Amino acid sequence: MRPKKIILCVDDNEQELSVRKFMLSTNGYRVLSATNGEEAIERFNEAQVDLVLTDFSMPRMNGAELIAKLKQIAAHVPMILLGDTQQVGSEPHRADAVIPKKNCTPLELLERIKI
């Protein structure tokens, strides 16, 4: 049996994080979650993560800053930034993809992250 792919989900909004985690786990992914950048870096270093899915707007360290730090650790891991295109567009980032958070249905998100 093929091992489940591991996705690290990061969002300071625990309700959105919970919904995303449920959606991904019910679709066969193993999901690690974090509510801030520091916690995400810890989780990333503890497991062999296949994909990072992070919100842009978070206190202390936004999603673009988090991705920059994680890319220094493992540049080969795909990382997706969820956020308002106006916010993200004005900020330099190293994300492999940017998905507009408000206009993306759970089904569209699943299609975009298939790994």
Protein backbone atom coordinates (compact mmCIF):
# COMPACT_ATOMS: atom_id res chain seq x y z
CA MET A 1 0.00 0.00 0.00
CA ARG A 2 1.29 3.44 -0.94
CA PRO A 3 1.98 5.73 2.06
CA LYS A 4 -0.22 8.79 2.38
CA LYS A 5 1.20 12.07 1.16
CA ILE A 6 1.84 14.55 3.99
CA ILE A 7 0.49 18.08 3.68
CA LEU A 8 1.40 20.80 6.15
CA CYS A 9 -1.50 23.27 6.50
CA VAL A 10 -0.83 26.60 8.16
CA ASP A 11 -3.49 29.14 9.11
CA ASP A 12 -4.00 31.30 12.20
CA ASN A 13 -7.78 30.97 11.75
CA GLU A 14 -8.42 27.68 13.55
CA GLN A 15 -11.88 27.24 12.01
CA GLU A 16 -10.55 27.50 8.45
CA LEU A 17 -7.62 25.28 9.37
CA SER A 18 -9.97 22.65 10.78
CA VAL A 19 -12.15 22.66 7.64
CA ARG A 20 -9.11 22.38 5.37
CA LYS A 21 -7.62 19.60 7.51
CA PHE A 22 -10.91 17.63 7.41
CA MET A 23 -11.26 18.06 3.65
CA LEU A 24 -7.71 16.88 2.97
CA SER A 25 -7.75 13.96 5.41
CA THR A 26 -11.04 12.65 4.04
CA ASN A 27 -9.42 12.71 0.58
CA GLY A 28 -6.58 10.45 1.62
CA TYR A 29 -3.89 12.88 2.75
CA ARG A 30 -2.10 12.88 6.09
CA VAL A 31 -2.39 16.42 7.41
CA LEU A 32 -0.13 18.23 9.85
CA SER A 33 -1.39 21.59 11.04
CA ALA A 34 0.09 24.73 12.53
CA THR A 35 -1.44 28.04 13.57
CA ASN A 36 1.66 30.19 13.10
CA GLY A 37 4.98 30.29 11.27
CA GLU A 38 7.15 29.15 14.16
CA GLU A 39 4.96 26.11 14.80
CA ALA A 40 4.94 25.34 11.05
CA ILE A 41 8.75 25.32 10.90
CA GLU A 42 8.82 22.87 13.84
CA ARG A 43 6.30 20.55 12.15
CA PHE A 44 8.16 20.81 8.84
CA ASN A 45 11.41 19.75 10.49
CA GLU A 46 9.74 16.81 12.28
CA ALA A 47 8.24 15.12 9.21
CA GLN A 48 8.88 14.49 5.55
CA VAL A 49 6.34 16.95 4.18
CA ASP A 50 5.21 16.54 0.55
CA LEU A 51 3.38 19.89 0.24
CA VAL A 52 2.94 23.09 2.25
CA LEU A 53 -0.38 24.95 2.07
CA THR A 54 -0.24 28.24 3.95
CA ASP A 55 -2.42 31.26 4.46
CA PHE A 56 -0.81 34.59 3.58
CA SER A 57 -2.25 36.75 6.38
CA MET A 58 -0.87 35.64 9.73
CA PRO A 59 0.58 37.61 12.64
CA ARG A 60 4.35 37.72 13.36
CA MET A 61 5.30 35.83 10.16
CA ASN A 62 3.11 35.96 7.06
CA GLY A 63 2.83 33.10 4.58
CA ALA A 64 5.37 34.56 2.15
CA GLU A 65 7.96 34.87 4.93
CA LEU A 66 7.20 31.33 6.10
CA ILE A 67 7.67 29.93 2.59
CA ALA A 68 10.99 31.77 2.23
CA LYS A 69 12.24 30.12 5.44
CA LEU A 70 10.95 26.66 4.48
CA LYS A 71 12.47 26.91 0.98
CA GLN A 72 15.86 27.44 2.67
CA ILE A 73 15.35 24.10 4.45
CA ALA A 74 13.91 22.14 1.50
CA ALA A 75 13.64 24.01 -1.80
CA HIS A 76 12.22 20.95 -3.61
CA VAL A 77 8.99 20.81 -1.56
CA PRO A 78 6.06 22.45 -3.40
CA MET A 79 4.48 25.32 -1.46
CA ILE A 80 1.15 27.02 -2.12
CA LEU A 81 0.19 30.42 -0.77
CA LEU A 82 -3.50 31.08 -0.11
CA GLY A 83 -4.40 34.73 -0.08
CA ASP A 84 -5.95 37.80 -1.53
CA THR A 85 -4.18 38.45 -4.85
CA GLN A 86 -3.90 42.17 -4.07
CA GLN A 87 -2.02 41.43 -0.82
CA VAL A 88 0.16 38.67 -2.22
CA GLY A 89 0.81 40.47 -5.50
CA SER A 90 2.48 43.38 -3.73
CA GLU A 91 4.75 41.12 -1.68
CA PRO A 92 7.71 39.16 -3.09
CA HIS A 93 7.33 35.44 -2.47
CA ARG A 94 8.89 32.08 -3.35
CA ALA A 95 5.61 30.14 -3.50
CA ASP A 96 5.20 27.63 -6.30
CA ALA A 97 1.58 28.76 -6.70
CA VAL A 98 -0.76 31.41 -5.34
CA ILE A 99 -4.43 30.56 -4.95
CA PRO A 100 -7.00 33.27 -4.23
CA LYS A 101 -8.44 32.26 -0.87
CA LYS A 102 -11.89 33.82 -1.28
CA ASN A 103 -12.65 32.56 -4.79
CA CYS A 104 -11.45 28.98 -4.41
CA THR A 105 -13.91 26.22 -3.60
CA PRO A 106 -12.72 23.16 -1.65
CA LEU A 107 -13.04 21.07 -4.84
CA GLU A 108 -10.88 23.53 -6.81
CA LEU A 109 -8.30 23.50 -4.03
CA LEU A 110 -8.19 19.69 -4.12
CA GLU A 111 -7.64 19.76 -7.88
CA ARG A 112 -4.80 22.25 -7.54
CA ILE A 113 -2.94 20.31 -4.86
CA LYS A 114 -3.14 16.81 -6.28
CA ILE A 115 0.21 15.21 -5.51
